[in-house]
């Protein structure tokens, strides 16, 4: 699946199939939260959280791609990410874009 964050694919004529999205609500785990608390005292990157968010983004993109494949898409254009805090210790990650088919 070709995924871009621009609104066209140079040299391709496209048929828009519709919006696709993938979302996940991810929560912190105690071990990563504890280590982040310690790291917060001395400063620096919270690597456990960075890894956790990267995993969540990958899962959201996979869900978006699965939805696009089910529509018969060749690509997803204008891809964006969003996030929101759902509750203490949990966040939603969403990936969305427009599924297209090459003409």
C-alpha atoms as a PDB file:
ATOM      1  CA  UNK A   1       0.000   0.000   0.000  1.00  0.00           C
ATOM      2  CA  UNK A   2       1.418   3.377  -1.038  1.00  0.00           C
ATOM      3  CA  UNK A   3       0.864   5.932   1.746  1.00  0.00           C
ATOM      4  CA  UNK A   4       1.557   9.661   1.359  1.00  0.00           C
ATOM      5  CA  UNK A   5       0.613  12.829   3.200  1.00  0.00           C
ATOM      6  CA  UNK A   6       0.062  14.881   0.029  1.00  0.00           C
ATOM      7  CA  UNK A   7      -3.262  15.220  -1.792  1.00  0.00           C
ATOM      8  CA  UNK A   8      -2.158  13.593  -5.055  1.00  0.00           C
ATOM      9  CA  UNK A   9       0.351  11.128  -6.462  1.00  0.00           C
ATOM     10  CA  UNK A  10       2.435  12.726  -9.216  1.00  0.00           C
ATOM     11  CA  UNK A  11       1.846  11.066 -12.582  1.00  0.00           C
ATOM     12  CA  UNK A  12      -1.204   9.089 -11.416  1.00  0.00           C
ATOM     13  CA  UNK A  13      -4.866   9.672 -12.125  1.00  0.00           C
ATOM     14  CA  UNK A  14      -6.888   8.715  -9.068  1.00  0.00           C
ATOM     15  CA  UNK A  15     -10.401   7.724  -8.116  1.00  0.00           C
ATOM     16  CA  UNK A  16     -11.262   8.618  -4.518  1.00  0.00           C
ATOM     17  CA  UNK A  17     -12.888   5.712  -2.677  1.00  0.00           C
ATOM     18  CA  UNK A  18     -13.470   7.436   0.636  1.00  0.00           C
ATOM     19  CA  UNK A  19     -11.961   8.192   3.992  1.00  0.00           C
ATOM     20  CA  UNK A  20     -10.220   5.420   5.903  1.00  0.00           C
ATOM     21  CA  UNK A  21      -9.016   5.443   9.465  1.00  0.00           C
ATOM     22  CA  UNK A  22      -7.371   3.334  12.084  1.00  0.00           C
ATOM     23  CA  UNK A  23      -7.553   4.055  15.783  1.00  0.00           C
ATOM     24  CA  UNK A  24      -6.226   2.559  18.975  1.00  0.00           C
ATOM     25  CA  UNK A  25      -6.528   3.502  22.625  1.00  0.00           C
ATOM     26  CA  UNK A  26      -3.260   2.719  24.333  1.00  0.00           C
ATOM     27  CA  UNK A  27      -2.491   2.809  28.033  1.00  0.00           C
ATOM     28  CA  UNK A  28       0.750   3.122  29.913  1.00  0.00           C
ATOM     29  CA  UNK A  29       2.040   0.122  31.765  1.00  0.00           C
ATOM     30  CA  UNK A  30       3.308   0.332  35.313  1.00  0.00           C
ATOM     31  CA  UNK A  31       6.926  -0.493  34.478  1.00  0.00           C
ATOM     32  CA  UNK A  32       7.237   2.189  31.803  1.00  0.00           C
ATOM     33  CA  UNK A  33       5.354   4.674  33.982  1.00  0.00           C
ATOM     34  CA  UNK A  34       7.665   4.040  36.941  1.00  0.00           C
ATOM     35  CA  UNK A  35      10.806   4.420  34.818  1.00  0.00           C
ATOM     36  CA  UNK A  36       9.425   7.591  33.206  1.00  0.00           C
ATOM     37  CA  UNK A  37       8.830   9.046  36.659  1.00  0.00           C
ATOM     38  CA  UNK A  38      12.456   8.446  37.592  1.00  0.00           C
ATOM     39  CA  UNK A  39      13.681   9.819  34.245  1.00  0.00           C
ATOM     40  CA  UNK A  40      11.496  12.892  34.810  1.00  0.00           C
ATOM     41  CA  UNK A  41      13.585  13.755  37.848  1.00  0.00           C
ATOM     42  CA  UNK A  42      16.822  13.984  35.856  1.00  0.00           C
ATOM     43  CA  UNK A  43      15.484  15.003  32.431  1.00  0.00           C
ATOM     44  CA  UNK A  44      15.883  13.493  29.002  1.00  0.00           C
ATOM     45  CA  UNK A  45      13.832  11.469  26.559  1.00  0.00           C
ATOM     46  CA  UNK A  46      11.220   9.149  28.005  1.00  0.00           C
ATOM     47  CA  UNK A  47      12.216   6.271  25.744  1.00  0.00           C
ATOM     48  CA  UNK A  48       9.561   3.888  27.071  1.00  0.00           C
ATOM     49  CA  UNK A  49       6.814   6.347  26.113  1.00  0.00           C
ATOM     50  CA  UNK A  50       8.417   7.053  22.737  1.00  0.00           C
ATOM     51  CA  UNK A  51       8.487   3.310  22.003  1.00  0.00           C
ATOM     52  CA  UNK A  52       4.901   2.898  23.214  1.00  0.00           C
ATOM     53  CA  UNK A  53       3.609   5.720  20.979  1.00  0.00           C
ATOM     54  CA  UNK A  54       5.525   4.395  17.967  1.00  0.00           C
ATOM     55  CA  UNK A  55       3.905   0.985  18.476  1.00  0.00           C
ATOM     56  CA  UNK A  56       0.464   2.604  18.791  1.00  0.00           C
ATOM     57  CA  UNK A  57       0.983   4.631  15.583  1.00  0.00           C
ATOM     58  CA  UNK A  58       2.060   1.488  13.701  1.00  0.00           C
ATOM     59  CA  UNK A  59      -1.073  -0.344  14.860  1.00  0.00           C
ATOM     60  CA  UNK A  60      -3.291   2.599  13.855  1.00  0.00           C
ATOM     61  CA  UNK A  61      -1.686   2.708  10.385  1.00  0.00           C
ATOM     62  CA  UNK A  62      -2.127  -1.061   9.959  1.00  0.00           C
ATOM     63  CA  UNK A  63      -5.830  -0.743  10.783  1.00  0.00           C
ATOM     64  CA  UNK A  64      -6.158   2.131   8.300  1.00  0.00           C
ATOM     65  CA  UNK A  65      -4.397   0.088   5.593  1.00  0.00           C
ATOM     66  CA  UNK A  66      -6.605  -2.936   6.307  1.00  0.00           C
ATOM     67  CA  UNK A  67      -9.699  -0.759   5.823  1.00  0.00           C
ATOM     68  CA  UNK A  68      -8.308   0.654   2.553  1.00  0.00           C
ATOM     69  CA  UNK A  69      -7.439  -2.819   1.242  1.00  0.00           C
ATOM     70  CA  UNK A  70     -10.993  -3.972   1.968  1.00  0.00           C
ATOM     71  CA  UNK A  71     -12.199  -1.121  -0.297  1.00  0.00           C
ATOM     72  CA  UNK A  72      -9.858  -2.187  -3.113  1.00  0.00           C
ATOM     73  CA  UNK A  73      -7.533   0.817  -2.719  1.00  0.00           C
ATOM     74  CA  UNK A  74      -4.081   1.075  -4.278  1.00  0.00           C
ATOM     75  CA  UNK A  75      -2.936   3.938  -2.067  1.00  0.00           C
ATOM     76  CA  UNK A  76      -3.899   6.271   0.758  1.00  0.00           C
ATOM     77  CA  UNK A  77      -3.327   9.985   0.254  1.00  0.00           C
ATOM     78  CA  UNK A  78      -3.451  12.992   2.569  1.00  0.00           C
ATOM     79  CA  UNK A  79      -2.595  10.847   5.615  1.00  0.00           C
ATOM     80  CA  UNK A  80      -2.713  12.534   9.011  1.00  0.00           C
ATOM     81  CA  UNK A  81      -2.248  11.479  12.617  1.00  0.00           C
ATOM     82  CA  UNK A  82      -4.117  12.656  15.662  1.00  0.00           C
ATOM     83  CA  UNK A  83      -4.026  11.937  19.354  1.00  0.00           C
ATOM     84  CA  UNK A  84      -6.159  12.706  22.344  1.00  0.00           C
ATOM     85  CA  UNK A  85      -6.007  11.949  26.018  1.00  0.00           C
ATOM     86  CA  UNK A  86      -8.843   9.581  26.897  1.00  0.00           C
ATOM     87  CA  UNK A  87      -8.255   9.343  30.647  1.00  0.00           C
ATOM     88  CA  UNK A  88      -5.346   9.429  33.047  1.00  0.00           C
ATOM     89  CA  UNK A  89      -2.732   7.104  31.608  1.00  0.00           C
ATOM     90  CA  UNK A  90      -4.460   6.373  28.268  1.00  0.00           C
ATOM     91  CA  UNK A  91      -4.436   8.059  24.882  1.00  0.00           C
ATOM     92  CA  UNK A  92      -6.131   7.538  21.528  1.00  0.00           C
ATOM     93  CA  UNK A  93      -3.961   7.509  18.425  1.00  0.00           C
ATOM     94  CA  UNK A  94      -5.698   7.812  15.052  1.00  0.00           C
ATOM     95  CA  UNK A  95      -4.376   7.655  11.500  1.00  0.00           C
ATOM     96  CA  UNK A  96      -6.665   8.749   8.674  1.00  0.00           C
ATOM     97  CA  UNK A  97      -6.565   9.584   5.001  1.00  0.00           C
ATOM     98  CA  UNK A  98      -8.298   9.121   1.658  1.00  0.00           C
ATOM     99  CA  UNK A  99      -8.272   5.689   0.007  1.00  0.00           C
ATOM    100  CA  UNK A 100      -7.729   5.913  -3.761  1.00  0.00           C
ATOM    101  CA  UNK A 101      -7.564   3.575  -6.727  1.00  0.00           C
ATOM    102  CA  UNK A 102      -5.342   4.152  -9.744  1.00  0.00           C
ATOM    103  CA  UNK A 103      -7.175   4.720 -13.035  1.00  0.00           C
END
